[in-house]
Amino acid sequence: MDTKLFARIGAGAFVAVALTMSLLQLREERPEPLPEVITVWEPDGDPLPAQLRACGAMGELALSSPDCRAAWAEKRRRFLGVESEASDAASDRAVGASAAPAPMPSSESQSAKGF
């Protein structure tokens, strides 16, 4: 027999098997996906989430509200894990550093040095 004939029979068989598998795959019924379950944990007795939702609902008015600013500061403190004493000390250092700026070299002292 001729080798071309075997190649044609092999190619035909491959196409027949591929078509059969495709048709069988299309006949199968797809299972319905399970509904997605979302669980939200809210701690009991903590008014901060309710305060933050209320501030979010206020829109731009929340920027001028001291209660909202305090709630956001508390949320940042909890998220970053910063203790209150450490944040107070850091803010005191920042205020102290900005209150006493470093002296700038004057042009007179540079001209006296020969620059």
PDB file of N, CA and C in Angstrom:
ATOM      1  N   MET A   1       0.829  -1.185   0.000  1.00  0.00           N
ATOM      2  CA  MET A   1       0.000   0.000   0.000  1.00  0.00           C
ATOM      3  C   MET A   1       0.867   1.240   0.000  1.00  0.00           C
ATOM      4  N   ASP A   2       0.217   2.288  -0.335  1.00  0.00           N
ATOM      5  CA  ASP A   2       0.912   3.562  -0.457  1.00  0.00           C
ATOM      6  C   ASP A   2       0.949   4.281   0.899  1.00  0.00           C
ATOM      7  N   THR A   3       2.046   4.978   1.228  1.00  0.00           N
ATOM      8  CA  THR A   3       2.150   5.693   2.510  1.00  0.00           C
ATOM      9  C   THR A   3       1.231   6.905   2.545  1.00  0.00           C
ATOM     10  N   LYS A   4       0.909   7.471   1.375  1.00  0.00           N
ATOM     11  CA  LYS A   4      -0.009   8.613   1.360  1.00  0.00           C
ATOM     12  C   LYS A   4      -1.406   8.184   1.792  1.00  0.00           C
ATOM     13  N   LEU A   5      -1.775   6.974   1.434  1.00  0.00           N
ATOM     14  CA  LEU A   5      -3.080   6.465   1.815  1.00  0.00           C
ATOM     15  C   LEU A   5      -3.175   6.321   3.339  1.00  0.00           C
ATOM     16  N   PHE A   6      -2.108   5.799   3.979  1.00  0.00           N
ATOM     17  CA  PHE A   6      -2.100   5.672   5.434  1.00  0.00           C
ATOM     18  C   PHE A   6      -2.157   7.050   6.110  1.00  0.00           C
ATOM     19  N   ALA A   7      -1.477   8.023   5.537  1.00  0.00           N
ATOM     20  CA  ALA A   7      -1.492   9.372   6.095  1.00  0.00           C
ATOM     21  C   ALA A   7      -2.890   9.971   5.990  1.00  0.00           C
ATOM     22  N   ARG A   8      -3.568   9.755   4.886  1.00  0.00           N
ATOM     23  CA  ARG A   8      -4.934  10.288   4.711  1.00  0.00           C
ATOM     24  C   ARG A   8      -5.907   9.599   5.661  1.00  0.00           C
ATOM     25  N   ILE A   9      -5.765   8.284   5.809  1.00  0.00           N
ATOM     26  CA  ILE A   9      -6.651   7.561   6.732  1.00  0.00           C
ATOM     27  C   ILE A   9      -6.415   8.034   8.164  1.00  0.00           C
ATOM     28  N   GLY A  10      -5.143   8.228   8.545  1.00  0.00           N
ATOM     29  CA  GLY A  10      -4.816   8.719   9.886  1.00  0.00           C
ATOM     30  C   GLY A  10      -5.366  10.117  10.130  1.00  0.00           C
ATOM     31  N   ALA A  11      -5.241  11.009   9.139  1.00  0.00           N
ATOM     32  CA  ALA A  11      -5.766  12.368   9.281  1.00  0.00           C
ATOM     33  C   ALA A  11      -7.280  12.347   9.373  1.00  0.00           C
ATOM     34  N   GLY A  12      -7.927  11.515   8.585  1.00  0.00           N
ATOM     35  CA  GLY A  12      -9.392  11.404   8.641  1.00  0.00           C
ATOM     36  C   GLY A  12      -9.859  10.878   9.987  1.00  0.00           C
ATOM     37  N   ALA A  13      -9.142   9.885  10.515  1.00  0.00           N
ATOM     38  CA  ALA A  13      -9.503   9.334  11.818  1.00  0.00           C
ATOM     39  C   ALA A  13      -9.316  10.378  12.918  1.00  0.00           C
ATOM     40  N   PHE A  14      -8.254  11.144  12.817  1.00  0.00           N
ATOM     41  CA  PHE A  14      -8.008  12.201  13.819  1.00  0.00           C
ATOM     42  C   PHE A  14      -9.130  13.236  13.792  1.00  0.00           C
ATOM     43  N   VAL A  15      -9.543  13.665  12.599  1.00  0.00           N
ATOM     44  CA  VAL A  15     -10.627  14.650  12.477  1.00  0.00           C
ATOM     45  C   VAL A  15     -11.927  14.058  13.002  1.00  0.00           C
ATOM     46  N   ALA A  16     -12.180  12.784  12.719  1.00  0.00           N
ATOM     47  CA  ALA A  16     -13.413  12.145  13.195  1.00  0.00           C
ATOM     48  C   ALA A  16     -13.432  12.078  14.723  1.00  0.00           C
ATOM     49  N   VAL A  17     -12.301  11.726  15.332  1.00  0.00           N
ATOM     50  CA  VAL A  17     -12.233  11.655  16.790  1.00  0.00           C
ATOM     51  C   VAL A  17     -12.400  13.050  17.399  1.00  0.00           C
ATOM     52  N   ALA A  18     -11.762  14.056  16.789  1.00  0.00           N
ATOM     53  CA  ALA A  18     -11.881  15.423  17.321  1.00  0.00           C
ATOM     54  C   ALA A  18     -13.323  15.915  17.228  1.00  0.00           C
ATOM     55  N   LEU A  19     -14.007  15.654  16.133  1.00  0.00           N
ATOM     56  CA  LEU A  19     -15.412  16.060  15.990  1.00  0.00           C
ATOM     57  C   LEU A  19     -16.300  15.342  17.004  1.00  0.00           C
ATOM     58  N   THR A  20     -16.063  14.047  17.181  1.00  0.00           N
ATOM     59  CA  THR A  20     -16.867  13.281  18.130  1.00  0.00           C
ATOM     60  C   THR A  20     -16.688  13.802  19.549  1.00  0.00           C
ATOM     61  N   MET A  21     -15.463  14.082  19.935  1.00  0.00           N
ATOM     62  CA  MET A  21     -15.210  14.606  21.288  1.00  0.00           C
ATOM     63  C   MET A  21     -15.843  15.986  21.475  1.00  0.00           C
ATOM     64  N   SER A  22     -15.795  16.813  20.431  1.00  0.00           N
ATOM     65  CA  SER A  22     -16.404  18.147  20.522  1.00  0.00           C
ATOM     66  C   SER A  22     -17.912  18.047  20.689  1.00  0.00           C
ATOM     67  N   LEU A  23     -18.544  17.163  19.923  1.00  0.00           N
ATOM     68  CA  LEU A  23     -19.994  17.006  20.045  1.00  0.00           C
ATOM     69  C   LEU A  23     -20.385  16.459  21.414  1.00  0.00           C
ATOM     70  N   LEU A  24     -19.619  15.514  21.935  1.00  0.00           N
ATOM     71  CA  LEU A  24     -19.921  14.987  23.270  1.00  0.00           C
ATOM     72  C   LEU A  24     -19.763  16.062  24.342  1.00  0.00           C
ATOM     73  N   GLN A  25     -18.769  16.912  24.187  1.00  0.00           N
ATOM     74  CA  GLN A  25     -18.549  17.994  25.159  1.00  0.00           C
ATOM     75  C   GLN A  25     -19.707  18.988  25.123  1.00  0.00           C
ATOM     76  N   LEU A  26     -20.224  19.282  23.942  1.00  0.00           N
ATOM     77  CA  LEU A  26     -21.332  20.227  23.823  1.00  0.00           C
ATOM     78  C   LEU A  26     -22.637  19.651  24.355  1.00  0.00           C
ATOM     79  N   ARG A  27     -22.798  18.340  24.349  1.00  0.00           N
ATOM     80  CA  ARG A  27     -24.033  17.718  24.814  1.00  0.00           C
ATOM     81  C   ARG A  27     -24.152  17.732  26.331  1.00  0.00           C
ATOM     82  N   GLU A  28     -23.032  17.786  27.018  1.00  0.00           N
ATOM     83  CA  GLU A  28     -23.066  17.743  28.480  1.00  0.00           C
ATOM     84  C   GLU A  28     -23.712  19.000  29.037  1.00  0.00           C
ATOM     85  N   GLU A  29     -24.517  18.808  30.071  1.00  0.00           N
ATOM     86  CA  GLU A  29     -25.122  19.954  30.740  1.00  0.00           C
ATOM     87  C   GLU A  29     -24.132  20.533  31.737  1.00  0.00           C
ATOM     88  N   ARG A  30     -24.066  21.819  31.722  1.00  0.00           N
ATOM     89  CA  ARG A  30     -23.147  22.485  32.655  1.00  0.00           C
ATOM     90  C   ARG A  30     -23.813  22.598  34.025  1.00  0.00           C
ATOM     91  N   PRO A  31     -23.037  22.334  35.078  1.00  0.00           N
ATOM     92  CA  PRO A  31     -23.624  22.484  36.421  1.00  0.00           C
ATOM     93  C   PRO A  31     -23.829  23.971  36.721  1.00  0.00           C
ATOM     94  N   GLU A  32     -24.898  24.252  37.438  1.00  0.00           N
ATOM     95  CA  GLU A  32     -25.171  25.640  37.805  1.00  0.00           C
ATOM     96  C   GLU A  32     -24.164  26.089  38.846  1.00  0.00           C
ATOM     97  N   PRO A  33     -23.635  27.293  38.686  1.00  0.00           N
ATOM     98  CA  PRO A  33     -22.651  27.773  39.666  1.00  0.00           C
ATOM     99  C   PRO A  33     -23.314  28.018  41.024  1.00  0.00           C
ATOM    100  N   LEU A  34     -22.561  27.753  42.069  1.00  0.00           N
ATOM    101  CA  LEU A  34     -23.066  27.984  43.420  1.00  0.00           C
ATOM    102  C   LEU A  34     -23.143  29.480  43.693  1.00  0.00           C
ATOM    103  N   PRO A  35     -24.151  29.910  44.419  1.00  0.00           N
ATOM    104  CA  PRO A  35     -24.231  31.340  44.735  1.00  0.00           C
ATOM    105  C   PRO A  35     -23.066  31.755  45.621  1.00  0.00           C
ATOM    106  N   GLU A  36     -22.560  32.949  45.364  1.00  0.00           N
ATOM    107  CA  GLU A  36     -21.427  33.451  46.130  1.00  0.00           C
ATOM    108  C   GLU A  36     -21.895  33.913  47.504  1.00  0.00           C
ATOM    109  N   VAL A  37     -21.185  33.471  48.521  1.00  0.00           N
ATOM    110  CA  VAL A  37     -21.520  33.828  49.894  1.00  0.00           C
ATOM    111  C   VAL A  37     -20.470  34.815  50.396  1.00  0.00           C
ATOM    112  N   ILE A  38     -20.926  35.967  50.827  1.00  0.00           N
ATOM    113  CA  ILE A  38     -20.030  36.985  51.358  1.00  0.00           C
ATOM    114  C   ILE A  38     -20.343  37.159  52.842  1.00  0.00           C
ATOM    115  N   THR A  39     -19.325  37.003  53.650  1.00  0.00           N
ATOM    116  CA  THR A  39     -19.482  37.157  55.086  1.00  0.00           C
ATOM    117  C   THR A  39     -18.753  38.425  55.519  1.00  0.00           C
ATOM    118  N   VAL A  40     -19.480  39.314  56.166  1.00  0.00           N
ATOM    119  CA  VAL A  40     -18.900  40.565  56.647  1.00  0.00           C
ATOM    120  C   VAL A  40     -18.890  40.517  58.165  1.00  0.00           C
ATOM    121  N   TRP A  41     -17.716  40.722  58.732  1.00  0.00           N
ATOM    122  CA  TRP A  41     -17.589  40.707  60.171  1.00  0.00           C
ATOM    123  C   TRP A  41     -17.579  42.139  60.683  1.00  0.00           C
ATOM    124  N   GLU A  42     -18.502  42.437  61.576  1.00  0.00           N
ATOM    125  CA  GLU A  42     -18.546  43.746  62.215  1.00  0.00           C
ATOM    126  C   GLU A  42     -18.467  43.532  63.718  1.00  0.00           C
ATOM    127  N   PRO A  43     -17.469  44.131  64.358  1.00  0.00           N
ATOM    128  CA  PRO A  43     -17.349  43.941  65.800  1.00  0.00           C
ATOM    129  C   PRO A  43     -18.507  44.608  66.534  1.00  0.00           C
ATOM    130  N   ASP A  44     -18.931  43.972  67.614  1.00  0.00           N
ATOM    131  CA  ASP A  44     -20.038  44.516  68.409  1.00  0.00           C
ATOM    132  C   ASP A  44     -19.534  45.616  69.329  1.00  0.00           C
ATOM    133  N   GLY A  45     -20.317  46.657  69.476  1.00  0.00           N
ATOM    134  CA  GLY A  45     -20.004  47.713  70.414  1.00  0.00           C
ATOM    135  C   GLY A  45     -18.997  48.727  69.923  1.00  0.00           C
ATOM    136  N   ASP A  46     -18.580  48.674  68.664  1.00  0.00           N
ATOM    137  CA  ASP A  46     -17.619  49.641  68.142  1.00  0.00           C
ATOM    138  C   ASP A  46     -18.366  50.648  67.273  1.00  0.00           C
ATOM    139  N   PRO A  47     -18.457  51.907  67.701  1.00  0.00           N
ATOM    140  CA  PRO A  47     -19.215  52.893  66.927  1.00  0.00           C
ATOM    141  C   PRO A  47     -18.445  53.452  65.722  1.00  0.00           C
ATOM    142  N   LEU A  48     -17.162  53.129  65.588  1.00  0.00           N
ATOM    143  CA  LEU A  48     -16.352  53.718  64.522  1.00  0.00           C
ATOM    144  C   LEU A  48     -16.847  53.369  63.113  1.00  0.00           C
ATOM    145  N   PRO A  49     -17.199  52.106  62.806  1.00  0.00           N
ATOM    146  CA  PRO A  49     -17.686  51.830  61.451  1.00  0.00           C
ATOM    147  C   PRO A  49     -18.951  52.609  61.099  1.00  0.00           C
ATOM    148  N   ALA A  50     -19.853  52.751  62.056  1.00  0.00           N
ATOM    149  CA  ALA A  50     -21.074  53.520  61.797  1.00  0.00           C
ATOM    150  C   ALA A  50     -20.742  54.992  61.576  1.00  0.00           C
ATOM    151  N   GLN A  51     -19.803  55.509  62.349  1.00  0.00           N
ATOM    152  CA  GLN A  51     -19.375  56.898  62.202  1.00  0.00           C
ATOM    153  C   GLN A  51     -18.747  57.115  60.826  1.00  0.00           C
ATOM    154  N   LEU A  52     -17.912  56.177  60.388  1.00  0.00           N
ATOM    155  CA  LEU A  52     -17.257  56.308  59.085  1.00  0.00           C
ATOM    156  C   LEU A  52     -18.263  56.228  57.945  1.00  0.00           C
ATOM    157  N   ARG A  53     -19.284  55.362  58.080  1.00  0.00           N
ATOM    158  CA  ARG A  53     -20.335  55.296  57.051  1.00  0.00           C
ATOM    159  C   ARG A  53     -21.106  56.604  56.999  1.00  0.00           C
ATOM    160  N   ALA A  54     -21.398  57.181  58.163  1.00  0.00           N
ATOM    161  CA  ALA A  54     -22.126  58.450  58.204  1.00  0.00           C
ATOM    162  C   ALA A  54     -21.297  59.559  57.567  1.00  0.00           C
ATOM    163  N   CYS A  55     -19.996  59.573  57.826  1.00  0.00           N
ATOM    164  CA  CYS A  55     -19.119  60.582  57.228  1.00  0.00           C
ATOM    165  C   CYS A  55     -19.032  60.388  55.716  1.00  0.00           C
ATOM    166  N   GLY A  56     -19.020  59.150  55.262  1.00  0.00           N
ATOM    167  CA  GLY A  56     -18.987  58.883  53.831  1.00  0.00           C
ATOM    168  C   GLY A  56     -20.256  59.351  53.151  1.00  0.00           C
ATOM    169  N   ALA A  57     -21.386  59.251  53.848  1.00  0.00           N
ATOM    170  CA  ALA A  57     -22.660  59.690  53.280  1.00  0.00           C
ATOM    171  C   ALA A  57     -22.765  61.217  53.246  1.00  0.00           C
ATOM    172  N   MET A  58     -21.990  61.903  54.096  1.00  0.00           N
ATOM    173  CA  MET A  58     -22.064  63.375  54.145  1.00  0.00           C
ATOM    174  C   MET A  58     -21.424  64.020  52.927  1.00  0.00           C
ATOM    175  N   GLY A  59     -20.506  63.341  52.279  1.00  0.00           N
ATOM    176  CA  GLY A  59     -19.845  63.913  51.107  1.00  0.00           C
ATOM    177  C   GLY A  59     -18.803  64.939  51.516  1.00  0.00           C
ATOM    178  N   GLU A  60     -18.782  66.073  50.804  1.00  0.00           N
ATOM    179  CA  GLU A  60     -17.759  67.097  51.066  1.00  0.00           C
ATOM    180  C   GLU A  60     -17.954  67.799  52.405  1.00  0.00           C
ATOM    181  N   LEU A  61     -19.144  67.761  52.966  1.00  0.00           N
ATOM    182  CA  LEU A  61     -19.371  68.385  54.276  1.00  0.00           C
ATOM    183  C   LEU A  61     -18.556  67.693  55.368  1.00  0.00           C
ATOM    184  N   ALA A  62     -18.199  66.436  55.137  1.00  0.00           N
ATOM    185  CA  ALA A  62     -17.428  65.698  56.140  1.00  0.00           C
ATOM    186  C   ALA A  62     -16.027  66.264  56.309  1.00  0.00           C
ATOM    187  N   LEU A  63     -15.503  66.955  55.293  1.00  0.00           N
ATOM    188  CA  LEU A  63     -14.164  67.535  55.404  1.00  0.00           C
ATOM    189  C   LEU A  63     -14.079  68.601  56.482  1.00  0.00           C
ATOM    190  N   SER A  64     -15.183  69.299  56.714  1.00  0.00           N
ATOM    191  CA  SER A  64     -15.167  70.364  57.718  1.00  0.00           C
ATOM    192  C   SER A  64     -15.695  69.902  59.074  1.00  0.00           C
ATOM    193  N   SER A  65     -16.125  68.665  59.183  1.00  0.00           N
ATOM    194  CA  SER A  65     -16.685  68.162  60.433  1.00  0.00           C
ATOM    195  C   SER A  65     -15.571  67.655  61.352  1.00  0.00           C
ATOM    196  N   PRO A  66     -15.471  68.193  62.586  1.00  0.00           N
ATOM    197  CA  PRO A  66     -14.439  67.702  63.505  1.00  0.00           C
ATOM    198  C   PRO A  66     -14.676  66.253  63.925  1.00  0.00           C
ATOM    199  N   ASP A  67     -15.944  65.824  63.986  1.00  0.00           N
ATOM    200  CA  ASP A  67     -16.227  64.436  64.350  1.00  0.00           C
ATOM    201  C   ASP A  67     -15.690  63.475  63.286  1.00  0.00           C
ATOM    202  N   CYS A  68     -15.872  63.836  62.014  1.00  0.00           N
ATOM    203  CA  CYS A  68     -15.378  62.983  60.932  1.00  0.00           C
ATOM    204  C   CYS A  68     -13.856  62.969  60.905  1.00  0.00           C
ATOM    205  N   ARG A  69     -13.255  64.119  61.147  1.00  0.00           N
ATOM    206  CA  ARG A  69     -11.790  64.154  61.182  1.00  0.00           C
ATOM    207  C   ARG A  69     -11.252  63.273  62.306  1.00  0.00           C
ATOM    208  N   ALA A  70     -11.908  63.295  63.451  1.00  0.00           N
ATOM    209  CA  ALA A  70     -11.489  62.458  64.578  1.00  0.00           C
ATOM    210  C   ALA A  70     -11.686  60.972  64.252  1.00  0.00           C
ATOM    211  N   ALA A  71     -12.783  60.646  63.585  1.00  0.00           N
ATOM    212  CA  ALA A  71     -13.037  59.251  63.211  1.00  0.00           C
ATOM    213  C   ALA A  71     -11.992  58.765  62.213  1.00  0.00           C
ATOM    214  N   TRP A  72     -11.626  59.593  61.242  1.00  0.00           N
ATOM    215  CA  TRP A  72     -10.607  59.209  60.258  1.00  0.00           C
ATOM    216  C   TRP A  72      -9.243  59.042  60.925  1.00  0.00           C
ATOM    217  N   ALA A  73      -8.937  59.926  61.872  1.00  0.00           N
ATOM    218  CA  ALA A  73      -7.663  59.819  62.588  1.00  0.00           C
ATOM    219  C   ALA A  73      -7.608  58.522  63.396  1.00  0.00           C
ATOM    220  N   GLU A  74      -8.718  58.157  64.019  1.00  0.00           N
ATOM    221  CA  GLU A  74      -8.778  56.912  64.781  1.00  0.00           C
ATOM    222  C   GLU A  74      -8.632  55.706  63.855  1.00  0.00           C
ATOM    223  N   LYS A  75      -9.264  55.764  62.692  1.00  0.00           N
ATOM    224  CA  LYS A  75      -9.158  54.669  61.722  1.00  0.00           C
ATOM    225  C   LYS A  75      -7.709  54.513  61.238  1.00  0.00           C
ATOM    226  N   ARG A  76      -7.034  55.626  60.957  1.00  0.00           N
ATOM    227  CA  ARG A  76      -5.625  55.578  60.557  1.00  0.00           C
ATOM    228  C   ARG A  76      -4.768  55.002  61.672  1.00  0.00           C
ATOM    229  N   ARG A  77      -5.039  55.430  62.904  1.00  0.00           N
ATOM    230  CA  ARG A  77      -4.262  54.948  64.040  1.00  0.00           C
ATOM    231  C   ARG A  77      -4.425  53.441  64.198  1.00  0.00           C
ATOM    232  N   ARG A  78      -5.652  52.946  64.069  1.00  0.00           N
ATOM    233  CA  ARG A  78      -5.892  51.507  64.194  1.00  0.00           C
ATOM    234  C   ARG A  78      -5.262  50.748  63.031  1.00  0.00           C
ATOM    235  N   PHE A  79      -5.382  51.280  61.824  1.00  0.00           N
ATOM    236  CA  PHE A  79      -4.850  50.590  60.644  1.00  0.00           C
ATOM    237  C   PHE A  79      -3.332  50.500  60.701  1.00  0.00           C
ATOM    238  N   LEU A  80      -2.687  51.586  61.058  1.00  0.00           N
ATOM    239  CA  LEU A  80      -1.230  51.613  61.092  1.00  0.00           C
ATOM    240  C   LEU A  80      -0.663  51.008  62.360  1.00  0.00           C
ATOM    241  N   GLY A  81      -1.507  50.808  63.375  1.00  0.00           N
ATOM    242  CA  GLY A  81      -1.044  50.197  64.612  1.00  0.00           C
ATOM    243  C   GLY A  81      -0.164  51.105  65.437  1.00  0.00           C
ATOM    244  N   VAL A  82      -0.407  52.396  65.364  1.00  0.00           N
ATOM    245  CA  VAL A  82       0.402  53.371  66.087  1.00  0.00           C
ATOM    246  C   VAL A  82      -0.245  53.622  67.442  1.00  0.00           C
ATOM    247  N   GLU A  83       0.558  53.551  68.489  1.00  0.00           N
ATOM    248  CA  GLU A  83       0.059  53.864  69.826  1.00  0.00           C
ATOM    249  C   GLU A  83      -0.118  55.367  69.963  1.00  0.00           C
ATOM    250  N   SER A  84      -0.994  55.802  70.850  1.00  0.00           N
ATOM    251  CA  SER A  84      -1.289  57.230  70.982  1.00  0.00           C
ATOM    252  C   SER A  84      -0.092  58.016  71.511  1.00  0.00           C
ATOM    253  N   GLU A  85       0.689  57.444  72.455  1.00  0.00           N
ATOM    254  CA  GLU A  85       1.847  58.168  72.974  1.00  0.00           C
ATOM    255  C   GLU A  85       2.908  58.342  71.892  1.00  0.00           C
ATOM    256  N   ALA A  86       3.084  57.310  71.077  1.00  0.00           N
ATOM    257  CA  ALA A  86       4.097  57.380  70.019  1.00  0.00           C
ATOM    258  C   ALA A  86       3.715  58.415  68.977  1.00  0.00           C
ATOM    259  N   SER A  87       2.427  58.517  68.654  1.00  0.00           N
ATOM    260  CA  SER A  87       2.007  59.498  67.654  1.00  0.00           C
ATOM    261  C   SER A  87       2.116  60.915  68.216  1.00  0.00           C
ATOM    262  N   ASP A  88       1.848  61.071  69.523  1.00  0.00           N
ATOM    263  CA  ASP A  88       1.999  62.389  70.129  1.00  0.00           C
ATOM    264  C   ASP A  88       3.463  62.816  70.124  1.00  0.00           C
ATOM    265  N   ALA A  89       4.362  61.891  70.431  1.00  0.00           N
ATOM    266  CA  ALA A  89       5.786  62.210  70.454  1.00  0.00           C
ATOM    267  C   ALA A  89       6.287  62.549  69.056  1.00  0.00           C
ATOM    268  N   ALA A  90       5.794  61.836  68.054  1.00  0.00           N
ATOM    269  CA  ALA A  90       6.209  62.101  66.671  1.00  0.00           C
ATOM    270  C   ALA A  90       5.715  63.468  66.213  1.00  0.00           C
ATOM    271  N   SER A  91       4.501  63.836  66.600  1.00  0.00           N
ATOM    272  CA  SER A  91       3.987  65.144  66.192  1.00  0.00           C
ATOM    273  C   SER A  91       4.724  66.262  66.924  1.00  0.00           C
ATOM    274  N   ASP A  92       5.134  66.018  68.205  1.00  0.00           N
ATOM    275  CA  ASP A  92       5.900  67.032  68.926  1.00  0.00           C
ATOM    276  C   ASP A  92       7.260  67.244  68.268  1.00  0.00           C
ATOM    277  N   ARG A  93       7.904  66.167  67.827  1.00  0.00           N
ATOM    278  CA  ARG A  93       9.196  66.299  67.151  1.00  0.00           C
ATOM    279  C   ARG A  93       9.045  67.040  65.828  1.00  0.00           C
ATOM    280  N   ALA A  94       7.961  66.778  65.116  1.00  0.00           N
ATOM    281  CA  ALA A  94       7.748  67.437  63.826  1.00  0.00           C
ATOM    282  C   ALA A  94       7.506  68.931  64.026  1.00  0.00           C
ATOM    283  N   VAL A  95       6.770  69.284  65.084  1.00  0.00           N
ATOM    284  CA  VAL A  95       6.515  70.696  65.364  1.00  0.00           C
ATOM    285  C   VAL A  95       7.804  71.381  65.788  1.00  0.00           C
ATOM    286  N   GLY A  96       8.611  70.706  66.614  1.00  0.00           N
ATOM    287  CA  GLY A  96       9.869  71.284  67.068  1.00  0.00           C
ATOM    288  C   GLY A  96      10.840  71.494  65.921  1.00  0.00           C
ATOM    289  N   ALA A  97      10.875  70.585  64.983  1.00  0.00           N
ATOM    290  CA  ALA A  97      11.785  70.703  63.842  1.00  0.00           C
ATOM    291  C   ALA A  97      11.347  71.824  62.906  1.00  0.00           C
ATOM    292  N   SER A  98      10.042  72.025  62.758  1.00  0.00           N
ATOM    293  CA  SER A  98       9.582  73.076  61.849  1.00  0.00           C
ATOM    294  C   SER A  98       9.649  74.454  62.509  1.00  0.00           C
ATOM    295  N   ALA A  99       9.682  74.510  63.851  1.00  0.00           N
ATOM    296  CA  ALA A  99       9.706  75.790  64.538  1.00  0.00           C
ATOM    297  C   ALA A  99      11.091  76.436  64.465  1.00  0.00           C
ATOM    298  N   ALA A 100      12.151  75.623  64.406  1.00  0.00           N
ATOM    299  CA  ALA A 100      13.504  76.174  64.375  1.00  0.00           C
ATOM    300  C   ALA A 100      14.174  75.770  63.067  1.00  0.00           C
ATOM    301  N   PRO A 101      14.015  76.577  62.014  1.00  0.00           N
ATOM    302  CA  PRO A 101      14.647  76.204  60.745  1.00  0.00           C
ATOM    303  C   PRO A 101      16.156  76.367  60.821  1.00  0.00           C
ATOM    304  N   ALA A 102      16.858  75.605  60.008  1.00  0.00           N
ATOM    305  CA  ALA A 102      18.317  75.663  59.987  1.00  0.00           C
ATOM    306  C   ALA A 102      18.753  76.989  59.382  1.00  0.00           C
ATOM    307  N   PRO A 103      19.826  77.612  59.944  1.00  0.00           N
ATOM    308  CA  PRO A 103      20.273  78.897  59.405  1.00  0.00           C
ATOM    309  C   PRO A 103      20.860  78.714  58.007  1.00  0.00           C
ATOM    310  N   MET A 104      20.562  79.674  57.138  1.00  0.00           N
ATOM    311  CA  MET A 104      21.070  79.652  55.773  1.00  0.00           C
ATOM    312  C   MET A 104      22.394  80.406  55.749  1.00  0.00           C
ATOM    313  N   PRO A 105      23.390  79.920  55.029  1.00  0.00           N
ATOM    314  CA  PRO A 105      24.662  80.661  54.939  1.00  0.00           C
ATOM    315  C   PRO A 105      24.446  81.959  54.164  1.00  0.00           C
ATOM    316  N   SER A 106      24.981  83.017  54.700  1.00  0.00           N
ATOM    317  CA  SER A 106      24.790  84.315  54.046  1.00  0.00           C
ATOM    318  C   SER A 106      25.834  84.519  52.973  1.00  0.00           C
ATOM    319  N   SER A 107      25.559  85.392  52.055  1.00  0.00           N
ATOM    320  CA  SER A 107      26.489  85.654  50.961  1.00  0.00           C
ATOM    321  C   SER A 107      27.735  86.423  51.465  1.00  0.00           C
ATOM    322  N   GLU A 108      27.594  87.155  52.595  1.00  0.00           N
ATOM    323  CA  GLU A 108      28.709  87.886  53.137  1.00  0.00           C
ATOM    324  C   GLU A 108      29.789  86.938  53.669  1.00  0.00           C
ATOM    325  N   SER A 109      29.351  85.848  54.349  1.00  0.00           N
ATOM    326  CA  SER A 109      30.332  84.924  54.893  1.00  0.00           C
ATOM    327  C   SER A 109      31.012  84.142  53.757  1.00  0.00           C
ATOM    328  N   GLN A 110      30.301  83.895  52.686  1.00  0.00           N
ATOM    329  CA  GLN A 110      30.904  83.185  51.563  1.00  0.00           C
ATOM    330  C   GLN A 110      31.913  84.084  50.831  1.00  0.00           C
ATOM    331  N   SER A 111      31.608  85.396  50.726  1.00  0.00           N
ATOM    332  CA  SER A 111      32.511  86.293  50.026  1.00  0.00           C
ATOM    333  C   SER A 111      33.789  86.523  50.856  1.00  0.00           C
ATOM    334  N   ALA A 112      33.638  86.417  52.191  1.00  0.00           N
ATOM    335  CA  ALA A 112      34.817  86.592  53.034  1.00  0.00           C
ATOM    336  C   ALA A 112      35.740  85.392  52.918  1.00  0.00           C
ATOM    337  N   LYS A 113      35.199  84.230  52.591  1.00  0.00           N
ATOM    338  CA  LYS A 113      36.020  83.037  52.458  1.00  0.00           C
ATOM    339  C   LYS A 113      36.678  82.957  51.102  1.00  0.00           C
ATOM    340  N   GLY A 114      36.268  83.798  50.173  1.00  0.00           N
ATOM    341  CA  GLY A 114      36.872  83.801  48.858  1.00  0.00           C
ATOM    342  C   GLY A 114      36.086  83.014  47.825  1.00  0.00           C
ATOM    343  N   PHE A 115      34.854  82.809  48.044  1.00  0.00           N
ATOM    344  CA  PHE A 115      34.043  82.069  47.062  1.00  0.00           C
ATOM    345  C   PHE A 115      33.478  82.993  46.057  1.00  0.00           C
TER     346      PHE A 115
END
